[in-house]
Each structure stands twice: as C-alpha cells, then as structure tokens.
Amino acid sequence: MLKTVIVYMSLILSALVLQRVVIENLWLEITRFGNIVIYGGIYRHPNHNIPDFASKFEDELNKISSRRIPCVVAGDFNIDLLKFDNHTATH
C-alpha cells in the first residue's frame, strides 16, 4: 500500500522538510520574508487505532512545539467527532 502526503508549494517559498515517520505525515518549515512557520500535513487511515494514532500524533506535536515556531496542522484525521458522546476512542 502506497502511503503519501503531498504538499503543493509556490516557488517563492523556501522550505525545509522535517523528517517524521511515526504516522503518515509531512512537516515543512517554510520561510518567507524572514518569517518561519511549520506546516504539517497529516493522514490517519480509517482503520488505524484512534488511541494509538492520538498518542503518536501528540508525540509529534510535542516535538514540533518544543521549537517555539508557529505551526499550522491540516489533514484527514478520519475521526467522526459526532460520535464523541458514545464512542470512547474519540475522547
């Protein structure tokens, strides 16, 4: 199975790929006009255990946040938040 996260970038941006392989994700450190922002693209397969994913994702966020650089995270988490009240894995 091919696992890929793709990011489209403008040529006017400078990017550094931050290697992360624990979950399907891609972290980019983008510099524009001297400002640095980290962007994360995340994908959770619908069959991936939610508590396991949440734990690994939290570890990734802790690593990123320790850098004290603004961060934007987007992706497809495949978690139905409408089931929060009756599905304990979404807590």
N, C-alpha and C. Protein backbone atom coordinates (compact mmCIF):
# COMPACT_ATOMS: atom_id res chain seq x y z
N MET A 1 0.84 -1.17 0.00
CA MET A 1 0.00 0.00 0.00
C MET A 1 0.89 1.24 0.00
N LEU A 2 0.64 2.15 -0.92
CA LEU A 2 1.39 3.39 -1.02
C LEU A 2 0.83 4.40 -0.02
N LYS A 3 1.69 4.97 0.80
CA LYS A 3 1.28 5.97 1.78
C LYS A 3 1.98 7.26 1.45
N THR A 4 1.21 8.30 1.15
CA THR A 4 1.80 9.53 0.69
C THR A 4 1.06 10.73 1.25
N VAL A 5 1.81 11.75 1.62
CA VAL A 5 1.27 13.06 1.94
C VAL A 5 1.93 14.01 0.95
N ILE A 6 1.12 14.79 0.24
CA ILE A 6 1.64 15.68 -0.80
C ILE A 6 1.33 17.12 -0.43
N VAL A 7 2.29 18.00 -0.69
CA VAL A 7 2.12 19.42 -0.44
C VAL A 7 2.48 20.18 -1.71
N TYR A 8 1.63 21.11 -2.12
CA TYR A 8 1.93 21.97 -3.26
C TYR A 8 2.46 23.29 -2.71
N MET A 9 3.59 23.74 -3.26
CA MET A 9 4.22 24.97 -2.78
C MET A 9 4.53 25.91 -3.92
N SER A 10 4.49 27.20 -3.61
CA SER A 10 4.90 28.22 -4.56
C SER A 10 6.42 28.27 -4.61
N LEU A 11 6.96 28.62 -5.76
CA LEU A 11 8.41 28.70 -5.91
C LEU A 11 9.02 29.86 -5.11
N ILE A 12 8.19 30.80 -4.66
CA ILE A 12 8.75 31.93 -3.91
C ILE A 12 9.00 31.60 -2.44
N LEU A 13 8.63 30.40 -2.04
CA LEU A 13 8.82 29.99 -0.65
C LEU A 13 10.08 29.14 -0.51
N SER A 14 10.67 29.23 0.65
CA SER A 14 11.81 28.38 0.97
C SER A 14 11.33 27.33 1.98
N ALA A 15 11.63 26.06 1.72
CA ALA A 15 11.11 25.01 2.59
C ALA A 15 12.20 24.05 3.01
N LEU A 16 12.05 23.55 4.22
CA LEU A 16 12.91 22.51 4.76
C LEU A 16 12.00 21.38 5.22
N VAL A 17 12.20 20.18 4.69
CA VAL A 17 11.38 19.03 5.09
C VAL A 17 11.91 18.49 6.40
N LEU A 18 11.02 18.39 7.38
CA LEU A 18 11.37 17.84 8.70
C LEU A 18 10.94 16.38 8.70
N GLN A 19 11.88 15.48 8.87
CA GLN A 19 11.60 14.05 8.76
C GLN A 19 10.80 13.55 9.96
N ARG A 20 9.64 12.99 9.66
CA ARG A 20 8.79 12.37 10.68
C ARG A 20 8.18 11.14 10.03
N VAL A 21 8.31 9.99 10.66
CA VAL A 21 7.80 8.76 10.04
C VAL A 21 6.93 7.92 10.97
N VAL A 22 6.58 8.43 12.12
CA VAL A 22 5.81 7.64 13.08
C VAL A 22 4.37 7.43 12.60
N ILE A 23 3.76 8.48 12.06
CA ILE A 23 2.44 8.39 11.47
C ILE A 23 2.55 8.98 10.07
N GLU A 24 1.51 8.79 9.24
CA GLU A 24 1.56 9.34 7.89
C GLU A 24 1.45 10.86 7.98
N ASN A 25 2.58 11.53 7.78
CA ASN A 25 2.60 12.97 7.91
C ASN A 25 3.78 13.57 7.18
N LEU A 26 3.69 14.86 6.96
CA LEU A 26 4.78 15.61 6.36
C LEU A 26 4.83 16.96 7.05
N TRP A 27 6.00 17.31 7.56
CA TRP A 27 6.19 18.58 8.24
C TRP A 27 7.16 19.41 7.41
N LEU A 28 6.76 20.63 7.10
CA LEU A 28 7.60 21.55 6.34
C LEU A 28 7.85 22.81 7.15
N GLU A 29 9.09 23.25 7.16
CA GLU A 29 9.43 24.53 7.76
C GLU A 29 9.55 25.52 6.61
N ILE A 30 8.60 26.44 6.53
CA ILE A 30 8.53 27.39 5.42
C ILE A 30 9.04 28.75 5.89
N THR A 31 9.93 29.33 5.10
CA THR A 31 10.44 30.67 5.39
C THR A 31 10.02 31.61 4.27
N ARG A 32 9.40 32.71 4.64
CA ARG A 32 9.02 33.73 3.66
C ARG A 32 9.21 35.09 4.30
N PHE A 33 9.99 35.92 3.65
CA PHE A 33 10.29 37.26 4.14
C PHE A 33 10.84 37.23 5.56
N GLY A 34 11.64 36.22 5.85
CA GLY A 34 12.28 36.10 7.15
C GLY A 34 11.42 35.50 8.24
N ASN A 35 10.15 35.20 7.94
CA ASN A 35 9.25 34.60 8.92
C ASN A 35 9.21 33.09 8.70
N ILE A 36 9.30 32.34 9.78
CA ILE A 36 9.29 30.88 9.72
C ILE A 36 7.98 30.35 10.30
N VAL A 37 7.36 29.42 9.58
CA VAL A 37 6.15 28.74 10.04
C VAL A 37 6.31 27.26 9.70
N ILE A 38 5.91 26.39 10.60
CA ILE A 38 5.93 24.95 10.33
C ILE A 38 4.51 24.54 9.93
N TYR A 39 4.42 23.82 8.81
CA TYR A 39 3.14 23.31 8.31
C TYR A 39 3.19 21.79 8.37
N GLY A 40 2.13 21.20 8.92
CA GLY A 40 2.05 19.75 8.99
C GLY A 40 0.87 19.23 8.20
N GLY A 41 1.11 18.22 7.38
CA GLY A 41 0.06 17.51 6.66
C GLY A 41 -0.06 16.13 7.26
N ILE A 42 -1.26 15.77 7.74
CA ILE A 42 -1.46 14.53 8.48
C ILE A 42 -2.53 13.68 7.81
N TYR A 43 -2.34 12.37 7.82
CA TYR A 43 -3.37 11.45 7.36
C TYR A 43 -3.46 10.27 8.32
N ARG A 44 -4.68 9.98 8.75
CA ARG A 44 -4.93 8.77 9.57
C ARG A 44 -5.83 7.86 8.76
N HIS A 45 -5.35 6.67 8.49
CA HIS A 45 -6.15 5.69 7.76
C HIS A 45 -7.38 5.36 8.61
N PRO A 46 -8.54 5.21 7.99
CA PRO A 46 -9.76 4.94 8.77
C PRO A 46 -9.68 3.71 9.67
N ASN A 47 -8.85 2.74 9.34
CA ASN A 47 -8.74 1.53 10.17
C ASN A 47 -7.65 1.61 11.23
N HIS A 48 -6.91 2.72 11.27
CA HIS A 48 -5.84 2.87 12.26
C HIS A 48 -6.47 3.11 13.63
N ASN A 49 -5.98 2.43 14.63
CA ASN A 49 -6.45 2.55 16.01
C ASN A 49 -6.38 4.01 16.45
N ILE A 50 -7.51 4.57 16.89
CA ILE A 50 -7.56 6.00 17.24
C ILE A 50 -6.68 6.34 18.44
N PRO A 51 -6.76 5.60 19.57
CA PRO A 51 -5.88 5.93 20.70
C PRO A 51 -4.39 5.84 20.35
N ASP A 52 -4.01 4.84 19.55
CA ASP A 52 -2.61 4.71 19.11
C ASP A 52 -2.20 5.91 18.26
N PHE A 53 -3.06 6.28 17.31
CA PHE A 53 -2.79 7.44 16.47
C PHE A 53 -2.67 8.71 17.31
N ALA A 54 -3.62 8.90 18.24
CA ALA A 54 -3.62 10.11 19.07
C ALA A 54 -2.35 10.21 19.90
N SER A 55 -1.89 9.09 20.43
CA SER A 55 -0.66 9.09 21.22
C SER A 55 0.55 9.47 20.37
N LYS A 56 0.66 8.87 19.19
CA LYS A 56 1.78 9.18 18.30
C LYS A 56 1.71 10.61 17.77
N PHE A 57 0.50 11.06 17.47
CA PHE A 57 0.32 12.43 17.00
C PHE A 57 0.69 13.43 18.08
N GLU A 58 0.32 13.14 19.31
CA GLU A 58 0.68 14.01 20.43
C GLU A 58 2.20 14.09 20.59
N ASP A 59 2.89 12.95 20.44
CA ASP A 59 4.35 12.95 20.50
C ASP A 59 4.94 13.85 19.42
N GLU A 60 4.39 13.76 18.20
CA GLU A 60 4.87 14.61 17.10
C GLU A 60 4.64 16.08 17.41
N LEU A 61 3.45 16.40 17.93
CA LEU A 61 3.15 17.80 18.26
C LEU A 61 4.08 18.32 19.36
N ASN A 62 4.41 17.48 20.32
CA ASN A 62 5.34 17.90 21.38
C ASN A 62 6.72 18.22 20.81
N LYS A 63 7.18 17.41 19.85
CA LYS A 63 8.48 17.68 19.22
C LYS A 63 8.44 18.99 18.47
N ILE A 64 7.36 19.21 17.73
CA ILE A 64 7.24 20.44 16.94
C ILE A 64 7.10 21.66 17.85
N SER A 65 6.26 21.57 18.88
CA SER A 65 6.03 22.72 19.75
C SER A 65 7.26 23.11 20.56
N SER A 66 8.16 22.17 20.79
CA SER A 66 9.38 22.48 21.54
C SER A 66 10.27 23.45 20.77
N ARG A 67 10.04 23.59 19.47
CA ARG A 67 10.83 24.51 18.64
C ARG A 67 10.37 25.95 18.76
N ARG A 68 9.20 26.16 19.36
CA ARG A 68 8.67 27.51 19.59
C ARG A 68 8.54 28.31 18.28
N ILE A 69 8.05 27.64 17.23
CA ILE A 69 7.81 28.27 15.94
C ILE A 69 6.33 28.10 15.64
N PRO A 70 5.65 29.13 15.13
CA PRO A 70 4.23 28.97 14.79
C PRO A 70 4.02 27.75 13.90
N CYS A 71 2.89 27.06 14.11
CA CYS A 71 2.64 25.80 13.41
C CYS A 71 1.18 25.74 12.94
N VAL A 72 1.00 25.25 11.73
CA VAL A 72 -0.34 25.03 11.17
C VAL A 72 -0.43 23.54 10.83
N VAL A 73 -1.50 22.90 11.30
CA VAL A 73 -1.69 21.47 11.05
C VAL A 73 -3.00 21.28 10.31
N ALA A 74 -2.95 20.51 9.24
CA ALA A 74 -4.15 20.20 8.46
C ALA A 74 -4.05 18.76 8.00
N GLY A 75 -5.18 18.18 7.69
CA GLY A 75 -5.13 16.82 7.18
C GLY A 75 -6.47 16.13 7.24
N ASP A 76 -6.42 14.85 7.00
CA ASP A 76 -7.59 13.98 7.04
C ASP A 76 -7.39 13.02 8.20
N PHE A 77 -8.06 13.30 9.31
CA PHE A 77 -7.88 12.51 10.52
C PHE A 77 -8.83 11.32 10.58
N ASN A 78 -9.86 11.31 9.74
CA ASN A 78 -10.82 10.20 9.70
C ASN A 78 -11.33 9.83 11.08
N ILE A 79 -11.73 10.83 11.85
CA ILE A 79 -12.32 10.61 13.17
C ILE A 79 -13.67 11.32 13.17
N ASP A 80 -14.73 10.57 13.42
CA ASP A 80 -16.09 11.12 13.42
C ASP A 80 -16.36 11.77 14.77
N LEU A 81 -16.21 13.08 14.84
CA LEU A 81 -16.40 13.79 16.11
C LEU A 81 -17.87 13.84 16.54
N LEU A 82 -18.79 13.52 15.63
CA LEU A 82 -20.20 13.45 16.01
C LEU A 82 -20.48 12.26 16.92
N LYS A 83 -19.55 11.29 16.97
CA LYS A 83 -19.70 10.12 17.83
C LYS A 83 -19.00 10.30 19.18
N PHE A 84 -18.59 11.51 19.48
CA PHE A 84 -17.85 11.79 20.71
C PHE A 84 -18.56 11.29 21.96
N ASP A 85 -19.87 11.48 22.03
CA ASP A 85 -20.63 11.12 23.24
C ASP A 85 -20.74 9.61 23.46
N ASN A 86 -20.70 8.82 22.39
CA ASN A 86 -20.93 7.39 22.56
C ASN A 86 -19.83 6.50 22.01
N HIS A 87 -18.68 7.07 21.65
CA HIS A 87 -17.56 6.28 21.13
C HIS A 87 -16.32 6.71 21.89
N THR A 88 -15.90 5.91 22.86
CA THR A 88 -14.82 6.30 23.77
C THR A 88 -13.49 6.55 23.07
N ALA A 89 -13.25 5.93 21.93
CA ALA A 89 -11.97 6.12 21.24
C ALA A 89 -11.81 7.55 20.73
N THR A 90 -12.93 8.27 20.52
CA THR A 90 -12.82 9.66 20.04
C THR A 90 -12.58 10.66 21.16
N HIS A 91 -12.58 10.21 22.39
CA HIS A 91 -12.32 11.13 23.51
C HIS A 91 -10.88 11.47 23.48
